[in-house]
Amino acid sequence: MATRKQKEDLVKALKFTPRDITISLSGYGGEIVLGRITEEQHDFWKDRDDLSDFIYDWDNEMDVPADMKFCTDGAWHDVDDLCHESGCEASDCCTITVYDELEGQDLWESNLDIDNLEDQGVNISSHWHCRPEDDQPNGTCVFLGQNFEKGTFFSGSIRITQPFDHKKLSVSWNDCDGWRLIGGVEYDGEDVEGFDGYSTTGKSMDFKVYRVENDNAELDTASEMDKIEVPVLEGEEEWAQRVIDESQLSPWYAADLNPVRKGVYEVEYKTGSWPWPMTAHIEWTGRKWKYDRSENTEIKRWRGLNYDPAE
């Protein structure tokens, strides 16, 4: 027998006037590409301060050897054989808004932090992750191009025949070099098709070349990773090569407090002029953080495990 609430929901559904709702994503985001370049191209550009001049050389007037031109006509976004994504950032700095076109009012709003959405019952999925330090062989040379923007990145409408329920929303995201961007939105199992609602203002751009240097690149199976002995000491542990949850992590430590043990840690960092932090797994050598990124990269904080993964 149906409960009272189920009966009330049925009455509401029968009385409901079908209508269009508009789902919008706004805040910060942009476009990012990762593409392989040759070792010679990497060595040519790595110490030069005119990489951006080359990228912006729409008319190909810059005096650069032909074999050092990994893109032409300013088409940096085509250097994308590793990954290419654009959209709104999956973070608490951004917002998803559901608007009722019939009533002319907002129905629901939330920030786009993945954990927050999951806590509210929104269906979350991750389609792919691309991080050259994890996916590519040691020595792979990479070009990274990013365009940072602010504004509305997506608007799409869909017709509903029952009262809106945010738990019928599905949001997918992709991870390109640690930058989580929203890849799609569904409602009640149906794709929400975007229309001409893209309206953003460019904030900055970042271009760089680097070489993948991963001491564990040759360990490409889970069984091999499990053989690594992981020393631990008072919360400054090496990162376990396994899926863990928040309850298994130590507190965040400020960047001015260095780990005393060598190992791989989860690190929060800021790079270029992009104002919001990103995360990555970075090795602490005992003297410094080992990464090959822009000089503008600033480590903000780090954390490890709160238990001994060897036990």
C-alpha atoms as a PDB file:
ATOM      1  CA  MET A   1       0.000   0.000   0.000  1.00  0.00           C
ATOM      2  CA  ALA A   2       1.279   3.461  -0.899  1.00  0.00           C
ATOM      3  CA  THR A   3       2.444   5.698   1.927  1.00  0.00           C
ATOM      4  CA  ARG A   4       0.918   9.105   2.588  1.00  0.00           C
ATOM      5  CA  LYS A   5       3.958  10.822   1.156  1.00  0.00           C
ATOM      6  CA  GLN A   6       3.808   8.700  -1.991  1.00  0.00           C
ATOM      7  CA  LYS A   7       0.161   9.646  -2.428  1.00  0.00           C
ATOM      8  CA  GLU A   8       0.968  13.338  -1.938  1.00  0.00           C
ATOM      9  CA  ASP A   9       3.792  13.105  -4.501  1.00  0.00           C
ATOM     10  CA  LEU A  10       1.408  11.458  -6.973  1.00  0.00           C
ATOM     11  CA  VAL A  11      -1.155  14.251  -6.553  1.00  0.00           C
ATOM     12  CA  LYS A  12       1.556  16.875  -7.092  1.00  0.00           C
ATOM     13  CA  ALA A  13       2.718  15.088 -10.238  1.00  0.00           C
ATOM     14  CA  LEU A  14      -0.824  14.900 -11.634  1.00  0.00           C
ATOM     15  CA  LYS A  15      -1.385  18.609 -10.989  1.00  0.00           C
ATOM     16  CA  PHE A  16       2.018  19.600 -12.370  1.00  0.00           C
ATOM     17  CA  THR A  17       2.145  21.694 -15.527  1.00  0.00           C
ATOM     18  CA  PRO A  18       4.950  20.525 -17.860  1.00  0.00           C
ATOM     19  CA  ARG A  19       7.607  23.191 -18.326  1.00  0.00           C
ATOM     20  CA  ASP A  20      11.123  23.899 -19.493  1.00  0.00           C
ATOM     21  CA  ILE A  21      13.933  24.318 -17.005  1.00  0.00           C
ATOM     22  CA  THR A  22      17.303  25.867 -17.826  1.00  0.00           C
ATOM     23  CA  ILE A  23      20.454  24.477 -16.213  1.00  0.00           C
ATOM     24  CA  SER A  24      23.467  26.812 -16.157  1.00  0.00           C
ATOM     25  CA  LEU A  25      27.081  26.418 -15.030  1.00  0.00           C
ATOM     26  CA  SER A  26      28.995  29.563 -14.145  1.00  0.00           C
ATOM     27  CA  GLY A  27      32.068  30.777 -12.297  1.00  0.00           C
ATOM     28  CA  TYR A  28      35.631  29.946 -13.344  1.00  0.00           C
ATOM     29  CA  GLY A  29      36.942  27.570 -15.962  1.00  0.00           C
ATOM     30  CA  GLY A  30      38.454  27.651 -19.418  1.00  0.00           C
ATOM     31  CA  GLU A  31      40.271  25.416 -21.842  1.00  0.00           C
ATOM     32  CA  ILE A  32      43.275  23.144 -21.447  1.00  0.00           C
ATOM     33  CA  VAL A  33      45.300  20.973 -23.804  1.00  0.00           C
ATOM     34  CA  LEU A  34      48.167  18.552 -23.315  1.00  0.00           C
ATOM     35  CA  GLY A  35      50.124  17.373 -26.328  1.00  0.00           C
ATOM     36  CA  ARG A  36      53.367  15.573 -26.984  1.00  0.00           C
ATOM     37  CA  ILE A  37      56.254  17.422 -28.592  1.00  0.00           C
ATOM     38  CA  THR A  38      59.703  16.205 -29.600  1.00  0.00           C
ATOM     39  CA  GLU A  39      62.674  16.242 -27.265  1.00  0.00           C
ATOM     40  CA  GLU A  40      64.363  18.748 -29.564  1.00  0.00           C
ATOM     41  CA  GLN A  41      61.360  21.076 -29.383  1.00  0.00           C
ATOM     42  CA  HIS A  42      61.326  20.792 -25.594  1.00  0.00           C
ATOM     43  CA  ASP A  43      65.019  21.600 -25.324  1.00  0.00           C
ATOM     44  CA  PHE A  44      64.624  24.534 -27.714  1.00  0.00           C
ATOM     45  CA  TRP A  45      61.770  26.184 -25.783  1.00  0.00           C
ATOM     46  CA  LYS A  46      62.300  25.174 -22.147  1.00  0.00           C
ATOM     47  CA  ASP A  47      64.576  28.083 -21.165  1.00  0.00           C
ATOM     48  CA  ARG A  48      63.218  30.732 -23.533  1.00  0.00           C
ATOM     49  CA  ASP A  49      60.990  33.583 -22.385  1.00  0.00           C
ATOM     50  CA  ASP A  50      59.277  34.050 -25.755  1.00  0.00           C
ATOM     51  CA  LEU A  51      57.153  30.875 -25.838  1.00  0.00           C
ATOM     52  CA  SER A  52      54.003  32.996 -25.536  1.00  0.00           C
ATOM     53  CA  ASP A  53      55.189  35.185 -28.415  1.00  0.00           C
ATOM     54  CA  PHE A  54      55.471  32.066 -30.547  1.00  0.00           C
ATOM     55  CA  ILE A  55      52.008  30.856 -29.480  1.00  0.00           C
ATOM     56  CA  TYR A  56      50.479  34.240 -30.357  1.00  0.00           C
ATOM     57  CA  ASP A  57      52.280  34.390 -33.712  1.00  0.00           C
ATOM     58  CA  TRP A  58      49.083  34.152 -35.752  1.00  0.00           C
ATOM     59  CA  ASP A  59      50.807  35.290 -38.969  1.00  0.00           C
ATOM     60  CA  ASN A  60      53.834  32.979 -38.562  1.00  0.00           C
ATOM     61  CA  GLU A  61      56.206  35.941 -38.748  1.00  0.00           C
ATOM     62  CA  MET A  62      58.437  34.934 -35.824  1.00  0.00           C
ATOM     63  CA  ASP A  63      61.884  33.687 -36.823  1.00  0.00           C
ATOM     64  CA  VAL A  64      61.754  30.109 -35.540  1.00  0.00           C
ATOM     65  CA  PRO A  65      63.275  27.019 -37.217  1.00  0.00           C
ATOM     66  CA  ALA A  66      60.553  25.071 -38.999  1.00  0.00           C
ATOM     67  CA  ASP A  67      61.172  21.861 -37.039  1.00  0.00           C
ATOM     68  CA  MET A  68      60.771  23.749 -33.751  1.00  0.00           C
ATOM     69  CA  LYS A  69      57.249  24.909 -34.633  1.00  0.00           C
ATOM     70  CA  PHE A  70      54.966  22.427 -32.895  1.00  0.00           C
ATOM     71  CA  CYS A  71      51.975  24.616 -33.824  1.00  0.00           C
ATOM     72  CA  THR A  72      51.242  27.171 -36.548  1.00  0.00           C
ATOM     73  CA  ASP A  73      48.795  30.047 -37.005  1.00  0.00           C
ATOM     74  CA  GLY A  74      48.511  30.379 -33.231  1.00  0.00           C
ATOM     75  CA  ALA A  75      46.571  27.098 -33.058  1.00  0.00           C
ATOM     76  CA  TRP A  76      47.921  25.981 -29.677  1.00  0.00           C
ATOM     77  CA  HIS A  77      44.616  24.246 -28.916  1.00  0.00           C
ATOM     78  CA  ASP A  78      45.368  21.708 -31.671  1.00  0.00           C
ATOM     79  CA  VAL A  79      48.400  20.353 -29.779  1.00  0.00           C
ATOM     80  CA  ASP A  80      46.099  17.999 -27.912  1.00  0.00           C
ATOM     81  CA  ASP A  81      46.905  14.368 -28.597  1.00  0.00           C
ATOM     82  CA  LEU A  82      46.986  13.633 -24.837  1.00  0.00           C
ATOM     83  CA  CYS A  83      43.887  15.530 -23.761  1.00  0.00           C
ATOM     84  CA  HIS A  84      41.690  18.506 -24.608  1.00  0.00           C
ATOM     85  CA  GLU A  85      38.885  19.812 -22.410  1.00  0.00           C
ATOM     86  CA  SER A  86      36.997  23.023 -21.801  1.00  0.00           C
ATOM     87  CA  GLY A  87      34.223  24.092 -19.502  1.00  0.00           C
ATOM     88  CA  CYS A  88      33.351  25.099 -15.973  1.00  0.00           C
ATOM     89  CA  GLU A  89      35.606  24.059 -13.118  1.00  0.00           C
ATOM     90  CA  ALA A  90      34.290  21.412 -10.718  1.00  0.00           C
ATOM     91  CA  SER A  91      34.921  23.395  -7.531  1.00  0.00           C
ATOM     92  CA  ASP A  92      33.175  25.387  -4.828  1.00  0.00           C
ATOM     93  CA  CYS A  93      34.088  28.576  -6.697  1.00  0.00           C
ATOM     94  CA  CYS A  94      31.523  27.702  -9.357  1.00  0.00           C
ATOM     95  CA  THR A  95      27.746  27.349  -9.398  1.00  0.00           C
ATOM     96  CA  ILE A  96      25.051  25.199 -10.988  1.00  0.00           C
ATOM     97  CA  THR A  97      21.670  26.922 -11.227  1.00  0.00           C
ATOM     98  CA  VAL A  98      18.298  25.441 -12.246  1.00  0.00           C
ATOM     99  CA  TYR A  99      15.783  28.022 -13.495  1.00  0.00           C
ATOM    100  CA  ASP A 100      12.042  27.525 -13.993  1.00  0.00           C
ATOM    101  CA  GLU A 101      11.098  29.143 -17.313  1.00  0.00           C
ATOM    102  CA  LEU A 102       7.357  29.005 -16.576  1.00  0.00           C
ATOM    103  CA  GLU A 103       7.465  30.546 -13.099  1.00  0.00           C
ATOM    104  CA  GLY A 104      10.443  32.780 -13.847  1.00  0.00           C
ATOM    105  CA  GLN A 105      12.418  31.828 -10.754  1.00  0.00           C
ATOM    106  CA  ASP A 106      15.326  29.710  -9.594  1.00  0.00           C
ATOM    107  CA  LEU A 107      14.398  26.202  -8.463  1.00  0.00           C
ATOM    108  CA  TRP A 108      17.731  25.037  -7.102  1.00  0.00           C
ATOM    109  CA  GLU A 109      21.341  26.168  -6.816  1.00  0.00           C
ATOM    110  CA  SER A 110      24.564  24.648  -5.531  1.00  0.00           C
ATOM    111  CA  ASN A 111      28.292  25.068  -5.824  1.00  0.00           C
ATOM    112  CA  LEU A 112      30.067  22.593  -8.087  1.00  0.00           C
ATOM    113  CA  ASP A 113      32.328  20.975  -5.525  1.00  0.00           C
ATOM    114  CA  ILE A 114      32.158  17.241  -6.299  1.00  0.00           C
ATOM    115  CA  ASP A 115      31.870  16.129  -2.669  1.00  0.00           C
ATOM    116  CA  ASN A 116      29.160  18.708  -1.988  1.00  0.00           C
ATOM    117  CA  LEU A 117      27.115  17.548  -4.979  1.00  0.00           C
ATOM    118  CA  GLU A 118      27.421  13.911  -3.934  1.00  0.00           C
ATOM    119  CA  ASP A 119      26.350  14.789  -0.392  1.00  0.00           C
ATOM    120  CA  GLN A 120      23.169  16.309  -1.849  1.00  0.00           C
ATOM    121  CA  GLY A 121      22.374  13.188  -3.842  1.00  0.00           C
ATOM    122  CA  VAL A 122      23.475  14.394  -7.294  1.00  0.00           C
ATOM    123  CA  ASN A 123      24.831  11.556  -9.461  1.00  0.00           C
ATOM    124  CA  ILE A 124      28.538  12.091 -10.143  1.00  0.00           C
ATOM    125  CA  SER A 125      30.747  10.355 -12.698  1.00  0.00           C
ATOM    126  CA  SER A 126      34.308  10.839 -13.910  1.00  0.00           C
ATOM    127  CA  HIS A 127      34.895   9.891 -17.545  1.00  0.00           C
ATOM    128  CA  TRP A 128      38.667  10.163 -17.758  1.00  0.00           C
ATOM    129  CA  HIS A 129      41.842  11.394 -16.098  1.00  0.00           C
ATOM    130  CA  CYS A 130      44.949  12.544 -17.954  1.00  0.00           C
ATOM    131  CA  ARG A 131      48.139  13.265 -16.036  1.00  0.00           C
ATOM    132  CA  PRO A 132      51.322  12.787 -18.057  1.00  0.00           C
ATOM    133  CA  GLU A 133      53.373  12.018 -14.952  1.00  0.00           C
ATOM    134  CA  ASP A 134      51.066   9.032 -14.365  1.00  0.00           C
ATOM    135  CA  ASP A 135      50.160   8.052 -17.940  1.00  0.00           C
ATOM    136  CA  GLN A 136      53.275   8.639 -20.047  1.00  0.00           C
ATOM    137  CA  PRO A 137      56.729   7.030 -20.110  1.00  0.00           C
ATOM    138  CA  ASN A 138      59.669   8.738 -18.468  1.00  0.00           C
ATOM    139  CA  GLY A 139      61.188  11.342 -20.777  1.00  0.00           C
ATOM    140  CA  THR A 140      57.975  12.178 -22.651  1.00  0.00           C
ATOM    141  CA  CYS A 141      58.035  15.852 -23.626  1.00  0.00           C
ATOM    142  CA  VAL A 142      54.770  17.730 -23.203  1.00  0.00           C
ATOM    143  CA  PHE A 143      53.247  21.070 -24.156  1.00  0.00           C
ATOM    144  CA  LEU A 144      50.592  22.427 -21.790  1.00  0.00           C
ATOM    145  CA  GLY A 145      48.306  25.288 -22.834  1.00  0.00           C
ATOM    146  CA  GLN A 146      45.604  26.789 -20.618  1.00  0.00           C
ATOM    147  CA  ASN A 147      43.118  29.581 -21.088  1.00  0.00           C
ATOM    148  CA  PHE A 148      41.475  30.807 -17.866  1.00  0.00           C
ATOM    149  CA  GLU A 149      38.055  32.458 -18.072  1.00  0.00           C
ATOM    150  CA  LYS A 150      35.224  33.695 -15.872  1.00  0.00           C
ATOM    151  CA  GLY A 151      31.513  33.748 -16.663  1.00  0.00           C
ATOM    152  CA  THR A 152      28.815  31.329 -17.838  1.00  0.00           C
ATOM    153  CA  PHE A 153      30.205  28.189 -19.474  1.00  0.00           C
ATOM    154  CA  PHE A 154      27.035  26.232 -20.129  1.00  0.00           C
ATOM    155  CA  SER A 155      23.284  26.761 -20.425  1.00  0.00           C
ATOM    156  CA  GLY A 156      20.842  24.127 -21.593  1.00  0.00           C
ATOM    157  CA  SER A 157      17.108  23.552 -21.394  1.00  0.00           C
ATOM    158  CA  ILE A 158      15.087  20.402 -20.877  1.00  0.00           C
ATOM    159  CA  ARG A 159      11.344  19.776 -20.467  1.00  0.00           C
ATOM    160  CA  ILE A 160      10.125  18.226 -17.220  1.00  0.00           C
ATOM    161  CA  THR A 161       6.676  16.685 -16.645  1.00  0.00           C
ATOM    162  CA  GLN A 162       7.029  16.248 -12.886  1.00  0.00           C
ATOM    163  CA  PRO A 163       8.285  18.563 -10.115  1.00  0.00           C
ATOM    164  CA  PHE A 164      12.030  19.135 -10.307  1.00  0.00           C
ATOM    165  CA  ASP A 165      14.183  16.824  -8.187  1.00  0.00           C
ATOM    166  CA  HIS A 166      17.879  17.670  -7.979  1.00  0.00           C
ATOM    167  CA  LYS A 167      18.608  14.018  -7.183  1.00  0.00           C
ATOM    168  CA  LYS A 168      17.749  13.241 -10.806  1.00  0.00           C
ATOM    169  CA  LEU A 169      20.672  15.404 -11.933  1.00  0.00           C
ATOM    170  CA  SER A 170      23.846  13.740 -13.204  1.00  0.00           C
ATOM    171  CA  VAL A 171      27.104  15.652 -13.576  1.00  0.00           C
ATOM    172  CA  SER A 172      30.220  14.251 -15.248  1.00  0.00           C
ATOM    173  CA  TRP A 173      33.695  15.701 -14.966  1.00  0.00           C
ATOM    174  CA  ASN A 174      37.120  15.106 -16.490  1.00  0.00           C
ATOM    175  CA  ASP A 175      40.587  15.599 -15.017  1.00  0.00           C
ATOM    176  CA  CYS A 176      43.227  17.132 -17.296  1.00  0.00           C
ATOM    177  CA  ASP A 177      46.549  17.570 -15.494  1.00  0.00           C
ATOM    178  CA  GLY A 178      44.788  18.049 -12.178  1.00  0.00           C
ATOM    179  CA  TRP A 179      42.212  20.535 -13.494  1.00  0.00           C
ATOM    180  CA  ARG A 180      38.680  19.162 -13.022  1.00  0.00           C
ATOM    181  CA  LEU A 181      36.257  20.480 -15.633  1.00  0.00           C
ATOM    182  CA  ILE A 182      32.572  19.628 -16.047  1.00  0.00           C
ATOM    183  CA  GLY A 183      32.078  17.485 -19.135  1.00  0.00           C
ATOM    184  CA  GLY A 184      28.289  17.071 -19.254  1.00  0.00           C
ATOM    185  CA  VAL A 185      24.953  17.349 -17.457  1.00  0.00           C
ATOM    186  CA  GLU A 186      21.965  14.973 -17.542  1.00  0.00           C
ATOM    187  CA  TYR A 187      18.538  15.135 -15.978  1.00  0.00           C
ATOM    188  CA  ASP A 188      16.512  11.999 -15.346  1.00  0.00           C
ATOM    189  CA  GLY A 189      18.758  10.037 -17.713  1.00  0.00           C
ATOM    190  CA  GLU A 190      18.530  12.533 -20.598  1.00  0.00           C
ATOM    191  CA  ASP A 191      21.390  14.714 -21.851  1.00  0.00           C
ATOM    192  CA  VAL A 192      20.864  18.440 -21.347  1.00  0.00           C
ATOM    193  CA  GLU A 193      21.797  19.977 -24.689  1.00  0.00           C
ATOM    194  CA  GLY A 194      23.574  23.311 -24.438  1.00  0.00           C
ATOM    195  CA  PHE A 195      22.485  26.337 -26.453  1.00  0.00           C
ATOM    196  CA  ASP A 196      24.048  29.746 -27.071  1.00  0.00           C
ATOM    197  CA  GLY A 197      24.561  30.606 -23.410  1.00  0.00           C
ATOM    198  CA  TYR A 198      28.356  30.651 -23.359  1.00  0.00           C
ATOM    199  CA  SER A 199      29.441  34.067 -22.089  1.00  0.00           C
ATOM    200  CA  THR A 200      32.871  34.404 -20.515  1.00  0.00           C
ATOM    201  CA  THR A 201      35.676  36.897 -20.098  1.00  0.00           C
ATOM    202  CA  GLY A 202      39.275  35.796 -20.565  1.00  0.00           C
ATOM    203  CA  LYS A 203      41.373  36.261 -17.432  1.00  0.00           C
ATOM    204  CA  SER A 204      44.795  34.849 -18.333  1.00  0.00           C
ATOM    205  CA  MET A 205      46.669  32.202 -20.311  1.00  0.00           C
ATOM    206  CA  ASP A 206      49.499  29.864 -19.416  1.00  0.00           C
ATOM    207  CA  PHE A 207      51.840  27.987 -21.756  1.00  0.00           C
ATOM    208  CA  LYS A 208      54.779  25.764 -20.914  1.00  0.00           C
ATOM    209  CA  VAL A 209      56.780  22.744 -21.992  1.00  0.00           C
ATOM    210  CA  TYR A 210      58.120  20.096 -19.651  1.00  0.00           C
ATOM    211  CA  ARG A 211      59.557  16.606 -19.546  1.00  0.00           C
ATOM    212  CA  VAL A 212      57.919  13.755 -17.639  1.00  0.00           C
ATOM    213  CA  GLU A 213      60.248  12.611 -14.884  1.00  0.00           C
ATOM    214  CA  ASN A 214      58.773   9.871 -12.761  1.00  0.00           C
ATOM    215  CA  ASP A 215      61.108   7.577 -10.853  1.00  0.00           C
ATOM    216  CA  ASN A 216      58.361   4.949 -10.628  1.00  0.00           C
ATOM    217  CA  ALA A 217      57.429   5.044 -14.338  1.00  0.00           C
ATOM    218  CA  GLU A 218      58.705   1.503 -14.879  1.00  0.00           C
ATOM    219  CA  LEU A 219      56.327   0.133 -12.214  1.00  0.00           C
ATOM    220  CA  ASP A 220      53.232  -0.267 -14.336  1.00  0.00           C
ATOM    221  CA  THR A 221      51.235  -2.966 -12.531  1.00  0.00           C
ATOM    222  CA  ALA A 222      49.371  -2.970  -9.233  1.00  0.00           C
ATOM    223  CA  SER A 223      51.276  -6.032  -8.048  1.00  0.00           C
ATOM    224  CA  GLU A 224      54.610  -4.278  -8.543  1.00  0.00           C
ATOM    225  CA  MET A 225      53.390  -1.197  -6.679  1.00  0.00           C
ATOM    226  CA  ASP A 226      52.308  -3.366  -3.744  1.00  0.00           C
ATOM    227  CA  LYS A 227      55.901  -4.571  -3.330  1.00  0.00           C
ATOM    228  CA  ILE A 228      57.165  -1.090  -2.435  1.00  0.00           C
ATOM    229  CA  GLU A 229      58.059  -0.755   1.238  1.00  0.00           C
ATOM    230  CA  VAL A 230      56.519   2.421   2.615  1.00  0.00           C
ATOM    231  CA  PRO A 231      58.110   3.885   5.776  1.00  0.00           C
ATOM    232  CA  VAL A 232      55.886   6.044   7.970  1.00  0.00           C
ATOM    233  CA  LEU A 233      56.451   8.423  10.873  1.00  0.00           C
ATOM    234  CA  GLU A 234      54.006  10.605  12.796  1.00  0.00           C
ATOM    235  CA  GLY A 235      51.682  11.657  10.026  1.00  0.00           C
ATOM    236  CA  GLU A 236      54.392  12.354   7.413  1.00  0.00           C
ATOM    237  CA  GLU A 237      53.768   9.194   5.437  1.00  0.00           C
ATOM    238  CA  GLU A 238      54.428   8.231   1.854  1.00  0.00           C
ATOM    239  CA  TRP A 239      51.349   8.111  -0.351  1.00  0.00           C
ATOM    240  CA  ALA A 240      49.807   4.620  -0.688  1.00  0.00           C
ATOM    241  CA  GLN A 241      49.270   3.507  -4.282  1.00  0.00           C
ATOM    242  CA  ARG A 242      45.618   2.603  -3.689  1.00  0.00           C
ATOM    243  CA  VAL A 243      42.204   4.181  -3.395  1.00  0.00           C
ATOM    244  CA  ILE A 244      41.659   5.799  -0.002  1.00  0.00           C
ATOM    245  CA  ASP A 245      38.999   7.974   1.567  1.00  0.00           C
ATOM    246  CA  GLU A 246      39.201  11.205   3.537  1.00  0.00           C
ATOM    247  CA  SER A 247      39.144   9.389   6.899  1.00  0.00           C
ATOM    248  CA  GLN A 248      42.516   7.817   6.052  1.00  0.00           C
ATOM    249  CA  LEU A 249      44.296  11.103   5.395  1.00  0.00           C
ATOM    250  CA  SER A 250      46.396  13.188   7.753  1.00  0.00           C
ATOM    251  CA  PRO A 251      45.663  16.887   8.344  1.00  0.00           C
ATOM    252  CA  TRP A 252      46.908  19.409   5.790  1.00  0.00           C
ATOM    253  CA  TYR A 253      50.335  20.863   6.622  1.00  0.00           C
ATOM    254  CA  ALA A 254      51.462  24.334   5.552  1.00  0.00           C
ATOM    255  CA  ALA A 255      54.088  24.517   2.799  1.00  0.00           C
ATOM    256  CA  ASP A 256      56.655  26.062   5.142  1.00  0.00           C
ATOM    257  CA  LEU A 257      56.614  22.853   7.207  1.00  0.00           C
ATOM    258  CA  ASN A 258      58.513  20.307   5.107  1.00  0.00           C
ATOM    259  CA  PRO A 259      58.041  16.525   5.389  1.00  0.00           C
ATOM    260  CA  VAL A 260      60.892  14.734   7.168  1.00  0.00           C
ATOM    261  CA  ARG A 261      60.442  11.553   5.122  1.00  0.00           C
ATOM    262  CA  LYS A 262      60.933  11.064   1.399  1.00  0.00           C
ATOM    263  CA  GLY A 263      57.829  10.042  -0.479  1.00  0.00           C
ATOM    264  CA  VAL A 264      54.832  11.012  -2.598  1.00  0.00           C
ATOM    265  CA  TYR A 265      52.259  13.331  -1.049  1.00  0.00           C
ATOM    266  CA  GLU A 266      49.016  14.985  -2.060  1.00  0.00           C
ATOM    267  CA  VAL A 267      49.938  18.606  -2.695  1.00  0.00           C
ATOM    268  CA  GLU A 268      47.776  21.676  -3.219  1.00  0.00           C
ATOM    269  CA  TYR A 269      49.394  24.286  -5.431  1.00  0.00           C
ATOM    270  CA  LYS A 270      48.697  27.455  -7.409  1.00  0.00           C
ATOM    271  CA  THR A 271      50.217  28.174 -10.788  1.00  0.00           C
ATOM    272  CA  GLY A 272      50.453  31.207 -13.060  1.00  0.00           C
ATOM    273  CA  SER A 273      47.805  33.855 -12.502  1.00  0.00           C
ATOM    274  CA  TRP A 274      44.996  31.321 -11.991  1.00  0.00           C
ATOM    275  CA  PRO A 275      43.587  32.286  -8.559  1.00  0.00           C
ATOM    276  CA  TRP A 276      42.255  28.901  -7.426  1.00  0.00           C
ATOM    277  CA  PRO A 277      44.359  26.013  -6.087  1.00  0.00           C
ATOM    278  CA  MET A 278      44.769  22.637  -7.796  1.00  0.00           C
ATOM    279  CA  THR A 279      45.992  19.296  -6.442  1.00  0.00           C
ATOM    280  CA  ALA A 280      48.466  16.672  -7.597  1.00  0.00           C
ATOM    281  CA  HIS A 281      50.574  13.825  -6.189  1.00  0.00           C
ATOM    282  CA  ILE A 282      54.144  15.143  -5.973  1.00  0.00           C
ATOM    283  CA  GLU A 283      57.331  13.569  -4.625  1.00  0.00           C
ATOM    284  CA  TRP A 284      59.271  15.060  -1.711  1.00  0.00           C
ATOM    285  CA  THR A 285      62.965  14.159  -2.253  1.00  0.00           C
ATOM    286  CA  GLY A 286      64.044  14.984   1.276  1.00  0.00           C
ATOM    287  CA  ARG A 287      65.189  18.462   0.234  1.00  0.00           C
ATOM    288  CA  LYS A 288      62.588  19.764  -2.216  1.00  0.00           C
ATOM    289  CA  TRP A 289      59.370  19.027  -4.085  1.00  0.00           C
ATOM    290  CA  LYS A 290      60.163  17.265  -7.358  1.00  0.00           C
ATOM    291  CA  TYR A 291      58.082  18.664 -10.201  1.00  0.00           C
ATOM    292  CA  ASP A 292      58.700  20.215 -13.606  1.00  0.00           C
ATOM    293  CA  ARG A 293      56.326  23.135 -13.863  1.00  0.00           C
ATOM    294  CA  SER A 294      56.235  26.883 -14.337  1.00  0.00           C
ATOM    295  CA  GLU A 295      58.438  29.064 -12.132  1.00  0.00           C
ATOM    296  CA  ASN A 296      55.170  30.671 -10.997  1.00  0.00           C
ATOM    297  CA  THR A 297      54.019  27.443  -9.337  1.00  0.00           C
ATOM    298  CA  GLU A 298      53.611  27.842  -5.571  1.00  0.00           C
ATOM    299  CA  ILE A 299      53.124  24.912  -3.202  1.00  0.00           C
ATOM    300  CA  LYS A 300      50.419  25.876  -0.685  1.00  0.00           C
ATOM    301  CA  ARG A 301      50.034  22.794   1.541  1.00  0.00           C
ATOM    302  CA  TRP A 302      50.421  19.001   1.612  1.00  0.00           C
ATOM    303  CA  ARG A 303      49.153  15.883   3.391  1.00  0.00           C
ATOM    304  CA  GLY A 304      49.791  12.120   3.594  1.00  0.00           C
ATOM    305  CA  LEU A 305      48.213   9.062   5.241  1.00  0.00           C
ATOM    306  CA  ASN A 306      47.319   8.679   8.912  1.00  0.00           C
ATOM    307  CA  TYR A 307      48.152   4.955   9.017  1.00  0.00           C
ATOM    308  CA  ASP A 308      50.938   2.618   7.984  1.00  0.00           C
ATOM    309  CA  PRO A 309      49.970   1.146   4.561  1.00  0.00           C
ATOM    310  CA  ALA A 310      52.570  -1.604   4.982  1.00  0.00           C
ATOM    311  CA  GLU A 311      50.661  -3.181   7.842  1.00  0.00           C
END
